[in-house]
């Protein structure tokens, strides 16, 4: 049943399309229009020279900047405190091990 509907639809589409014959339209050949230049005309006269423009005005001179004040030198810092005098050796013994031989 499922296939019979599909087959019937396909056959009806073929039958309807077989009866129609499309009209063939043959386009006419395009006509190319080519412009052919004629002989060159006489040369025109030269133009008049342009007038010279006026010179612009000179700008005003800028004002001179003010001189800044020189900075004062800072004061010398206070002297640091002195360290205590070193003490002489006491009962401390320092043992230095012998170096290991190179291999």
PDB file of N, CA and C in Angstrom:
ATOM      1  N   UNK A   1       0.825  -1.181   0.000  1.00  0.00           N
ATOM      2  CA  UNK A   1       0.000   0.000   0.000  1.00  0.00           C
ATOM      3  C   UNK A   1       0.881   1.261   0.000  1.00  0.00           C
ATOM      4  N   UNK A   2       1.919   1.226   0.816  1.00  0.00           N
ATOM      5  CA  UNK A   2       2.799   2.399   0.884  1.00  0.00           C
ATOM      6  C   UNK A   2       3.482   2.652  -0.455  1.00  0.00           C
ATOM      7  N   UNK A   3       3.901   1.594  -1.116  1.00  0.00           N
ATOM      8  CA  UNK A   3       4.604   1.759  -2.386  1.00  0.00           C
ATOM      9  C   UNK A   3       3.670   2.123  -3.524  1.00  0.00           C
ATOM     10  N   UNK A   4       2.465   1.691  -3.455  1.00  0.00           N
ATOM     11  CA  UNK A   4       1.538   1.968  -4.553  1.00  0.00           C
ATOM     12  C   UNK A   4       1.220   3.457  -4.631  1.00  0.00           C
ATOM     13  N   UNK A   5       1.157   4.131  -3.498  1.00  0.00           N
ATOM     14  CA  UNK A   5       0.879   5.588  -3.502  1.00  0.00           C
ATOM     15  C   UNK A   5       2.074   6.337  -4.102  1.00  0.00           C
ATOM     16  N   UNK A   6       3.267   5.914  -3.744  1.00  0.00           N
ATOM     17  CA  UNK A   6       4.474   6.570  -4.251  1.00  0.00           C
ATOM     18  C   UNK A   6       4.612   6.342  -5.745  1.00  0.00           C
ATOM     19  N   UNK A   7       4.333   5.109  -6.208  1.00  0.00           N
ATOM     20  CA  UNK A   7       4.430   4.797  -7.629  1.00  0.00           C
ATOM     21  C   UNK A   7       3.375   5.565  -8.413  1.00  0.00           C
ATOM     22  N   UNK A   8       2.164   5.671  -7.871  1.00  0.00           N
ATOM     23  CA  UNK A   8       1.091   6.399  -8.562  1.00  0.00           C
ATOM     24  C   UNK A   8       1.430   7.878  -8.670  1.00  0.00           C
ATOM     25  N   UNK A   9       2.029   8.458  -7.638  1.00  0.00           N
ATOM     26  CA  UNK A   9       2.413   9.874  -7.665  1.00  0.00           C
ATOM     27  C   UNK A   9       3.517  10.119  -8.681  1.00  0.00           C
ATOM     28  N   UNK A  10       4.472   9.194  -8.782  1.00  0.00           N
ATOM     29  CA  UNK A  10       5.570   9.342  -9.734  1.00  0.00           C
ATOM     30  C   UNK A  10       5.072   9.214 -11.165  1.00  0.00           C
ATOM     31  N   UNK A  11       4.163   8.271 -11.420  1.00  0.00           N
ATOM     32  CA  UNK A  11       3.621   8.090 -12.766  1.00  0.00           C
ATOM     33  C   UNK A  11       2.779   9.287 -13.196  1.00  0.00           C
ATOM     34  N   UNK A  12       1.998   9.840 -12.263  1.00  0.00           N
ATOM     35  CA  UNK A  12       1.171  10.997 -12.638  1.00  0.00           C
ATOM     36  C   UNK A  12       2.048  12.214 -12.929  1.00  0.00           C
ATOM     37  N   UNK A  13       3.155  12.361 -12.196  1.00  0.00           N
ATOM     38  CA  UNK A  13       4.061  13.478 -12.463  1.00  0.00           C
ATOM     39  C   UNK A  13       4.705  13.323 -13.834  1.00  0.00           C
ATOM     40  N   UNK A  14       5.085  12.102 -14.192  1.00  0.00           N
ATOM     41  CA  UNK A  14       5.678  11.868 -15.510  1.00  0.00           C
ATOM     42  C   UNK A  14       4.662  12.072 -16.627  1.00  0.00           C
ATOM     43  N   UNK A  15       3.458  11.653 -16.401  1.00  0.00           N
ATOM     44  CA  UNK A  15       2.438  11.780 -17.437  1.00  0.00           C
ATOM     45  C   UNK A  15       2.090  13.243 -17.687  1.00  0.00           C
ATOM     46  N   UNK A  16       2.000  14.017 -16.623  1.00  0.00           N
ATOM     47  CA  UNK A  16       1.657  15.433 -16.799  1.00  0.00           C
ATOM     48  C   UNK A  16       2.803  16.221 -17.424  1.00  0.00           C
ATOM     49  N   UNK A  17       4.024  15.869 -17.072  1.00  0.00           N
ATOM     50  CA  UNK A  17       5.160  16.621 -17.622  1.00  0.00           C
ATOM     51  C   UNK A  17       5.442  16.210 -19.059  1.00  0.00           C
ATOM     52  N   UNK A  18       5.044  15.014 -19.484  1.00  0.00           N
ATOM     53  CA  UNK A  18       5.295  14.571 -20.851  1.00  0.00           C
ATOM     54  C   UNK A  18       4.407  15.305 -21.840  1.00  0.00           C
ATOM     55  N   UNK A  19       3.240  15.775 -21.419  1.00  0.00           N
ATOM     56  CA  UNK A  19       2.336  16.453 -22.330  1.00  0.00           C
ATOM     57  C   UNK A  19       2.767  17.888 -22.621  1.00  0.00           C
ATOM     58  N   UNK A  20       3.475  18.508 -21.708  1.00  0.00           N
ATOM     59  CA  UNK A  20       3.875  19.905 -21.913  1.00  0.00           C
ATOM     60  C   UNK A  20       5.141  19.957 -22.745  1.00  0.00           C
ATOM     61  N   UNK A  21       5.093  20.782 -23.772  1.00  0.00           N
ATOM     62  CA  UNK A  21       6.295  20.998 -24.562  1.00  0.00           C
ATOM     63  C   UNK A  21       6.704  22.452 -24.372  1.00  0.00           C
ATOM     64  N   UNK A  22       7.898  22.660 -23.866  1.00  0.00           N
ATOM     65  CA  UNK A  22       8.334  24.048 -23.643  1.00  0.00           C
ATOM     66  C   UNK A  22       8.582  24.752 -24.965  1.00  0.00           C
ATOM     67  N   UNK A  23       8.253  26.001 -25.022  1.00  0.00           N
ATOM     68  CA  UNK A  23       8.468  26.809 -26.216  1.00  0.00           C
ATOM     69  C   UNK A  23       9.938  27.190 -26.280  1.00  0.00           C
ATOM     70  N   UNK A  24      10.553  26.956 -27.410  1.00  0.00           N
ATOM     71  CA  UNK A  24      11.969  27.275 -27.573  1.00  0.00           C
ATOM     72  C   UNK A  24      12.073  28.696 -28.094  1.00  0.00           C
ATOM     73  N   UNK A  25      12.803  29.516 -27.362  1.00  0.00           N
ATOM     74  CA  UNK A  25      13.003  30.905 -27.759  1.00  0.00           C
ATOM     75  C   UNK A  25      14.429  31.033 -28.258  1.00  0.00           C
ATOM     76  N   UNK A  26      14.577  31.480 -29.504  1.00  0.00           N
ATOM     77  CA  UNK A  26      15.904  31.656 -30.081  1.00  0.00           C
ATOM     78  C   UNK A  26      16.231  33.144 -30.022  1.00  0.00           C
ATOM     79  N   UNK A  27      17.234  33.510 -29.255  1.00  0.00           N
ATOM     80  CA  UNK A  27      17.583  34.931 -29.166  1.00  0.00           C
ATOM     81  C   UNK A  27      18.236  35.392 -30.469  1.00  0.00           C
ATOM     82  N   UNK A  28      17.950  36.619 -30.854  1.00  0.00           N
ATOM     83  CA  UNK A  28      18.552  37.160 -32.067  1.00  0.00           C
ATOM     84  C   UNK A  28      20.013  37.496 -31.782  1.00  0.00           C
ATOM     85  N   UNK A  29      20.806  37.480 -32.821  1.00  0.00           N
ATOM     86  CA  UNK A  29      22.236  37.747 -32.676  1.00  0.00           C
ATOM     87  C   UNK A  29      22.423  39.210 -32.259  1.00  0.00           C
ATOM     88  N   UNK A  30      23.231  39.474 -31.263  1.00  0.00           N
ATOM     89  CA  UNK A  30      23.441  40.858 -30.836  1.00  0.00           C
ATOM     90  C   UNK A  30      24.241  41.630 -31.879  1.00  0.00           C
ATOM     91  N   UNK A  31      23.855  42.862 -32.058  1.00  0.00           N
ATOM     92  CA  UNK A  31      24.521  43.720 -33.028  1.00  0.00           C
ATOM     93  C   UNK A  31      25.527  44.562 -32.255  1.00  0.00           C
ATOM     94  N   UNK A  32      26.795  44.456 -32.623  1.00  0.00           N
ATOM     95  CA  UNK A  32      27.839  45.216 -31.947  1.00  0.00           C
ATOM     96  C   UNK A  32      28.015  46.552 -32.640  1.00  0.00           C
ATOM     97  N   UNK A  33      27.889  47.619 -31.859  1.00  0.00           N
ATOM     98  CA  UNK A  33      28.087  48.959 -32.400  1.00  0.00           C
ATOM     99  C   UNK A  33      29.461  49.423 -31.961  1.00  0.00           C
ATOM    100  N   UNK A  34      30.340  49.675 -32.941  1.00  0.00           N
ATOM    101  CA  UNK A  34      31.702  50.096 -32.634  1.00  0.00           C
ATOM    102  C   UNK A  34      31.851  51.527 -33.112  1.00  0.00           C
ATOM    103  N   UNK A  35      32.215  52.408 -32.192  1.00  0.00           N
ATOM    104  CA  UNK A  35      32.418  53.809 -32.558  1.00  0.00           C
ATOM    105  C   UNK A  35      33.802  53.967 -33.157  1.00  0.00           C
ATOM    106  N   UNK A  36      33.868  54.545 -34.319  1.00  0.00           N
ATOM    107  CA  UNK A  36      35.147  54.767 -34.986  1.00  0.00           C
ATOM    108  C   UNK A  36      35.488  56.238 -34.821  1.00  0.00           C
ATOM    109  N   UNK A  37      36.641  56.545 -34.218  1.00  0.00           N
ATOM    110  CA  UNK A  37      36.994  57.947 -34.013  1.00  0.00           C
ATOM    111  C   UNK A  37      37.333  58.640 -35.323  1.00  0.00           C
ATOM    112  N   UNK A  38      36.994  59.891 -35.401  1.00  0.00           N
ATOM    113  CA  UNK A  38      37.300  60.685 -36.590  1.00  0.00           C
ATOM    114  C   UNK A  38      38.669  61.322 -36.466  1.00  0.00           C
ATOM    115  N   UNK A  39      39.014  62.191 -37.392  1.00  0.00           N
ATOM    116  CA  UNK A  39      40.329  62.842 -37.327  1.00  0.00           C
ATOM    117  C   UNK A  39      40.392  63.818 -36.146  1.00  0.00           C
ATOM    118  N   UNK A  40      41.591  64.051 -35.649  1.00  0.00           N
ATOM    119  CA  UNK A  40      41.780  64.932 -34.502  1.00  0.00           C
ATOM    120  C   UNK A  40      41.501  66.374 -34.902  1.00  0.00           C
ATOM    121  N   UNK A  41      40.894  67.130 -34.022  1.00  0.00           N
ATOM    122  CA  UNK A  41      40.595  68.532 -34.281  1.00  0.00           C
ATOM    123  C   UNK A  41      41.794  69.420 -34.004  1.00  0.00           C
ATOM    124  N   UNK A  42      41.678  70.712 -34.306  1.00  0.00           N
ATOM    125  CA  UNK A  42      42.800  71.640 -34.073  1.00  0.00           C
ATOM    126  C   UNK A  42      43.018  71.833 -32.567  1.00  0.00           C
ATOM    127  N   UNK A  43      44.271  72.163 -32.211  1.00  0.00           N
ATOM    128  CA  UNK A  43      44.600  72.355 -30.805  1.00  0.00           C
ATOM    129  C   UNK A  43      44.039  73.680 -30.322  1.00  0.00           C
ATOM    130  N   UNK A  44      43.573  73.694 -29.095  1.00  0.00           N
ATOM    131  CA  UNK A  44      42.999  74.906 -28.520  1.00  0.00           C
ATOM    132  C   UNK A  44      44.067  75.917 -28.125  1.00  0.00           C
ATOM    133  N   UNK A  45      43.634  77.135 -27.873  1.00  0.00           N
ATOM    134  CA  UNK A  45      44.582  78.186 -27.488  1.00  0.00           C
ATOM    135  C   UNK A  45      45.002  77.999 -26.032  1.00  0.00           C
ATOM    136  N   UNK A  46      46.164  78.525 -25.689  1.00  0.00           N
ATOM    137  CA  UNK A  46      46.681  78.413 -24.318  1.00  0.00           C
ATOM    138  C   UNK A  46      45.872  79.306 -23.400  1.00  0.00           C
ATOM    139  N   UNK A  47      45.777  78.924 -22.179  1.00  0.00           N
ATOM    140  CA  UNK A  47      45.054  79.712 -21.201  1.00  0.00           C
ATOM    141  C   UNK A  47      45.889  80.887 -20.718  1.00  0.00           C
ATOM    142  N   UNK A  48      45.216  81.897 -20.150  1.00  0.00           N
ATOM    143  CA  UNK A  48      45.910  83.082 -19.632  1.00  0.00           C
ATOM    144  C   UNK A  48      46.639  82.708 -18.344  1.00  0.00           C
ATOM    145  N   UNK A  49      47.799  83.340 -18.045  1.00  0.00           N
ATOM    146  CA  UNK A  49      48.509  83.036 -16.803  1.00  0.00           C
ATOM    147  C   UNK A  49      47.692  83.506 -15.595  1.00  0.00           C
ATOM    148  N   UNK A  50      47.812  82.792 -14.514  1.00  0.00           N
ATOM    149  CA  UNK A  50      47.054  83.126 -13.310  1.00  0.00           C
ATOM    150  C   UNK A  50      47.681  84.305 -12.588  1.00  0.00           C
ATOM    151  N   UNK A  51      46.832  85.055 -11.884  1.00  0.00           N
ATOM    152  CA  UNK A  51      47.349  86.183 -11.114  1.00  0.00           C
ATOM    153  C   UNK A  51      47.981  85.678  -9.837  1.00  0.00           C
ATOM    154  N   UNK A  52      49.019  86.400  -9.374  1.00  0.00           N
ATOM    155  CA  UNK A  52      49.728  85.990  -8.174  1.00  0.00           C
ATOM    156  C   UNK A  52      48.937  86.455  -6.957  1.00  0.00           C
ATOM    157  N   UNK A  53      48.809  85.579  -5.970  1.00  0.00           N
ATOM    158  CA  UNK A  53      48.074  85.930  -4.763  1.00  0.00           C
ATOM    159  C   UNK A  53      48.885  86.804  -3.824  1.00  0.00           C
ATOM    160  N   UNK A  54      48.204  87.407  -2.855  1.00  0.00           N
ATOM    161  CA  UNK A  54      48.886  88.264  -1.884  1.00  0.00           C
ATOM    162  C   UNK A  54      49.580  87.415  -0.831  1.00  0.00           C
ATOM    163  N   UNK A  55      50.636  87.984  -0.256  1.00  0.00           N
ATOM    164  CA  UNK A  55      51.375  87.297   0.803  1.00  0.00           C
ATOM    165  C   UNK A  55      50.620  87.498   2.113  1.00  0.00           C
ATOM    166  N   UNK A  56      50.558  86.454   2.914  1.00  0.00           N
ATOM    167  CA  UNK A  56      49.873  86.555   4.197  1.00  0.00           C
ATOM    168  C   UNK A  56      50.651  87.399   5.200  1.00  0.00           C
ATOM    169  N   UNK A  57      49.943  87.873   6.228  1.00  0.00           N
ATOM    170  CA  UNK A  57      50.568  88.708   7.255  1.00  0.00           C
ATOM    171  C   UNK A  57      51.467  87.856   8.146  1.00  0.00           C
ATOM    172  N   UNK A  58      52.513  88.478   8.684  1.00  0.00           N
ATOM    173  CA  UNK A  58      53.440  87.791   9.583  1.00  0.00           C
ATOM    174  C   UNK A  58      52.833  87.750  10.971  1.00  0.00           C
ATOM    175  N   UNK A  59      52.957  86.627  11.638  1.00  0.00           N
ATOM    176  CA  UNK A  59      52.417  86.489  12.986  1.00  0.00           C
ATOM    177  C   UNK A  59      53.223  87.261  14.017  1.00  0.00           C
ATOM    178  N   UNK A  60      52.594  87.545  15.152  1.00  0.00           N
ATOM    179  CA  UNK A  60      53.255  88.296  16.224  1.00  0.00           C
ATOM    180  C   UNK A  60      54.250  87.382  16.939  1.00  0.00           C
ATOM    181  N   UNK A  61      55.284  87.982  17.527  1.00  0.00           N
ATOM    182  CA  UNK A  61      56.292  87.236  18.262  1.00  0.00           C
ATOM    183  C   UNK A  61      55.723  86.844  19.619  1.00  0.00           C
ATOM    184  N   UNK A  62      55.999  85.655  20.053  1.00  0.00           N
ATOM    185  CA  UNK A  62      55.500  85.189  21.340  1.00  0.00           C
ATOM    186  C   UNK A  62      56.223  85.842  22.504  1.00  0.00           C
ATOM    187  N   UNK A  63      55.590  85.833  23.669  1.00  0.00           N
ATOM    188  CA  UNK A  63      56.176  86.439  24.863  1.00  0.00           C
ATOM    189  C   UNK A  63      57.312  85.567  25.379  1.00  0.00           C
ATOM    190  N   UNK A  64      58.295  86.201  26.027  1.00  0.00           N
ATOM    191  CA  UNK A  64      59.432  85.484  26.585  1.00  0.00           C
ATOM    192  C   UNK A  64      59.013  84.837  27.897  1.00  0.00           C
ATOM    193  N   UNK A  65      59.430  83.632  28.120  1.00  0.00           N
ATOM    194  CA  UNK A  65      59.085  82.935  29.352  1.00  0.00           C
ATOM    195  C   UNK A  65      59.850  83.478  30.544  1.00  0.00           C
ATOM    196  N   UNK A  66      59.287  83.319  31.750  1.00  0.00           N
ATOM    197  CA  UNK A  66      59.951  83.824  32.944  1.00  0.00           C
ATOM    198  C   UNK A  66      61.018  82.829  33.388  1.00  0.00           C
ATOM    199  N   UNK A  67      62.029  83.362  34.052  1.00  0.00           N
ATOM    200  CA  UNK A  67      63.120  82.524  34.536  1.00  0.00           C
ATOM    201  C   UNK A  67      62.728  81.956  35.884  1.00  0.00           C
ATOM    202  N   UNK A  68      62.913  80.690  36.070  1.00  0.00           N
ATOM    203  CA  UNK A  68      62.576  80.061  37.351  1.00  0.00           C
ATOM    204  C   UNK A  68      63.627  80.354  38.405  1.00  0.00           C
ATOM    205  N   UNK A  69      63.246  80.237  39.660  1.00  0.00           N
ATOM    206  CA  UNK A  69      64.206  80.477  40.735  1.00  0.00           C
ATOM    207  C   UNK A  69      65.049  79.241  40.917  1.00  0.00           C
ATOM    208  N   UNK A  70      66.338  79.478  41.244  1.00  0.00           N
ATOM    209  CA  UNK A  70      67.256  78.365  41.443  1.00  0.00           C
ATOM    210  C   UNK A  70      66.958  77.702  42.783  1.00  0.00           C
ATOM    211  N   UNK A  71      67.000  76.402  42.824  1.00  0.00           N
ATOM    212  CA  UNK A  71      66.739  75.693  44.069  1.00  0.00           C
ATOM    213  C   UNK A  71      67.906  75.836  45.048  1.00  0.00           C
ATOM    214  N   UNK A  72      67.629  75.865  46.340  1.00  0.00           N
ATOM    215  CA  UNK A  72      68.704  75.988  47.323  1.00  0.00           C
ATOM    216  C   UNK A  72      69.284  74.600  47.594  1.00  0.00           C
ATOM    217  N   UNK A  73      70.551  74.604  47.989  1.00  0.00           N
ATOM    218  CA  UNK A  73      71.234  73.358  48.290  1.00  0.00           C
ATOM    219  C   UNK A  73      70.768  72.855  49.636  1.00  0.00           C
ATOM    220  N   UNK A  74      70.589  71.552  49.743  1.00  0.00           N
ATOM    221  CA  UNK A  74      70.133  70.979  51.010  1.00  0.00           C
ATOM    222  C   UNK A  74      71.197  71.056  52.094  1.00  0.00           C
ATOM    223  N   UNK A  75      70.761  70.891  53.340  1.00  0.00           N
ATOM    224  CA  UNK A  75      71.679  70.957  54.479  1.00  0.00           C
ATOM    225  C   UNK A  75      72.403  69.627  54.603  1.00  0.00           C
ATOM    226  N   UNK A  76      73.553  69.670  55.250  1.00  0.00           N
ATOM    227  CA  UNK A  76      74.319  68.465  55.492  1.00  0.00           C
ATOM    228  C   UNK A  76      73.627  67.664  56.572  1.00  0.00           C
ATOM    229  N   UNK A  77      73.593  66.345  56.413  1.00  0.00           N
ATOM    230  CA  UNK A  77      72.936  65.497  57.402  1.00  0.00           C
ATOM    231  C   UNK A  77      73.718  65.409  58.710  1.00  0.00           C
ATOM    232  N   UNK A  78      73.024  64.957  59.758  1.00  0.00           N
ATOM    233  CA  UNK A  78      73.674  64.829  61.081  1.00  0.00           C
ATOM    234  C   UNK A  78      74.655  63.667  61.057  1.00  0.00           C
ATOM    235  N   UNK A  79      75.680  63.757  61.878  1.00  0.00           N
ATOM    236  CA  UNK A  79      76.700  62.714  61.921  1.00  0.00           C
ATOM    237  C   UNK A  79      76.152  61.509  62.661  1.00  0.00           C
ATOM    238  N   UNK A  80      76.440  60.311  62.167  1.00  0.00           N
ATOM    239  CA  UNK A  80      75.941  59.096  62.789  1.00  0.00           C
ATOM    240  C   UNK A  80      76.661  58.785  64.099  1.00  0.00           C
ATOM    241  N   UNK A  81      76.049  57.894  64.876  1.00  0.00           N
ATOM    242  CA  UNK A  81      76.654  57.517  66.155  1.00  0.00           C
ATOM    243  C   UNK A  81      77.859  56.629  65.907  1.00  0.00           C
ATOM    244  N   UNK A  82      78.807  56.701  66.816  1.00  0.00           N
ATOM    245  CA  UNK A  82      80.012  55.891  66.692  1.00  0.00           C
ATOM    246  C   UNK A  82      79.752  54.547  67.325  1.00  0.00           C
ATOM    247  N   UNK A  83      80.344  53.486  66.764  1.00  0.00           N
ATOM    248  CA  UNK A  83      80.182  52.147  67.315  1.00  0.00           C
ATOM    249  C   UNK A  83      81.037  51.937  68.560  1.00  0.00           C
ATOM    250  N   UNK A  84      80.726  50.874  69.275  1.00  0.00           N
ATOM    251  CA  UNK A  84      81.501  50.545  70.469  1.00  0.00           C
ATOM    252  C   UNK A  84      82.857  50.007  70.049  1.00  0.00           C
ATOM    253  N   UNK A  85      83.813  50.192  70.930  1.00  0.00           N
ATOM    254  CA  UNK A  85      85.159  49.721  70.664  1.00  0.00           C
ATOM    255  C   UNK A  85      85.145  48.200  70.759  1.00  0.00           C
ATOM    256  N   UNK A  86      85.866  47.504  69.886  1.00  0.00           N
ATOM    257  CA  UNK A  86      85.896  46.052  69.892  1.00  0.00           C
ATOM    258  C   UNK A  86      86.562  45.500  71.143  1.00  0.00           C
ATOM    259  N   UNK A  87      86.129  44.299  71.516  1.00  0.00           N
ATOM    260  CA  UNK A  87      86.687  43.646  72.699  1.00  0.00           C
ATOM    261  C   UNK A  87      87.812  42.722  72.264  1.00  0.00           C
ATOM    262  N   UNK A  88      88.735  42.530  73.119  1.00  0.00           N
ATOM    263  CA  UNK A  88      89.825  41.617  72.804  1.00  0.00           C
ATOM    264  C   UNK A  88      89.342  40.187  73.004  1.00  0.00           C
ATOM    265  N   UNK A  89      90.090  39.213  72.435  1.00  0.00           N
ATOM    266  CA  UNK A  89      89.686  37.814  72.496  1.00  0.00           C
ATOM    267  C   UNK A  89      89.564  37.300  73.922  1.00  0.00           C
ATOM    268  N   UNK A  90      88.727  36.286  74.092  1.00  0.00           N
ATOM    269  CA  UNK A  90      88.506  35.714  75.413  1.00  0.00           C
ATOM    270  C   UNK A  90      88.860  34.241  75.397  1.00  0.00           C
ATOM    271  N   UNK A  91      87.949  33.403  75.878  1.00  0.00           N
ATOM    272  CA  UNK A  91      88.180  31.971  75.968  1.00  0.00           C
ATOM    273  C   UNK A  91      87.706  31.217  74.718  1.00  0.00           C
ATOM    274  N   UNK A  92      87.285  31.893  73.635  1.00  0.00           N
ATOM    275  CA  UNK A  92      86.745  31.240  72.456  1.00  0.00           C
ATOM    276  C   UNK A  92      87.861  30.640  71.623  1.00  0.00           C
ATOM    277  N   UNK A  93      87.688  29.353  71.227  1.00  0.00           N
ATOM    278  CA  UNK A  93      88.661  28.670  70.386  1.00  0.00           C
ATOM    279  C   UNK A  93      87.941  28.295  69.085  1.00  0.00           C
ATOM    280  N   UNK A  94      88.564  28.622  67.953  1.00  0.00           N
ATOM    281  CA  UNK A  94      87.988  28.307  66.651  1.00  0.00           C
ATOM    282  C   UNK A  94      88.804  27.165  66.057  1.00  0.00           C
ATOM    283  N   UNK A  95      88.133  26.041  65.699  1.00  0.00           N
ATOM    284  CA  UNK A  95      88.803  24.881  65.125  1.00  0.00           C
ATOM    285  C   UNK A  95      88.463  24.845  63.646  1.00  0.00           C
ATOM    286  N   UNK A  96      89.491  24.839  62.813  1.00  0.00           N
ATOM    287  CA  UNK A  96      89.301  24.793  61.360  1.00  0.00           C
ATOM    288  C   UNK A  96      89.695  23.393  60.903  1.00  0.00           C
ATOM    289  N   UNK A  97      88.766  22.638  60.287  1.00  0.00           N
ATOM    290  CA  UNK A  97      89.122  21.286  59.861  1.00  0.00           C
ATOM    291  C   UNK A  97      90.089  21.316  58.684  1.00  0.00           C
ATOM    292  N   UNK A  98      90.880  20.258  58.561  1.00  0.00           N
ATOM    293  CA  UNK A  98      91.857  20.158  57.477  1.00  0.00           C
ATOM    294  C   UNK A  98      91.106  19.959  56.163  1.00  0.00           C
ATOM    295  N   UNK A  99      91.593  20.540  55.077  1.00  0.00           N
ATOM    296  CA  UNK A  99      90.919  20.360  53.796  1.00  0.00           C
ATOM    297  C   UNK A  99      91.027  18.924  53.304  1.00  0.00           C
ATOM    298  N   UNK A 100      89.970  18.478  52.585  1.00  0.00           N
ATOM    299  CA  UNK A 100      89.964  17.120  52.071  1.00  0.00           C
ATOM    300  C   UNK A 100      90.816  17.071  50.807  1.00  0.00           C
ATOM    301  N   UNK A 101      91.575  15.992  50.619  1.00  0.00           N
ATOM    302  CA  UNK A 101      92.446  15.916  49.432  1.00  0.00           C
ATOM    303  C   UNK A 101      91.615  15.783  48.152  1.00  0.00           C
ATOM    304  N   UNK A 102      92.101  16.348  47.055  1.00  0.00           N
ATOM    305  CA  UNK A 102      91.441  16.297  45.743  1.00  0.00           C
ATOM    306  C   UNK A 102      91.579  14.902  45.140  1.00  0.00           C
ATOM    307  N   UNK A 103      90.585  14.425  44.472  1.00  0.00           N
ATOM    308  CA  UNK A 103      90.641  13.103  43.848  1.00  0.00           C
ATOM    309  C   UNK A 103      91.179  13.193  42.464  1.00  0.00           C
TER     310      UNK A 103
END
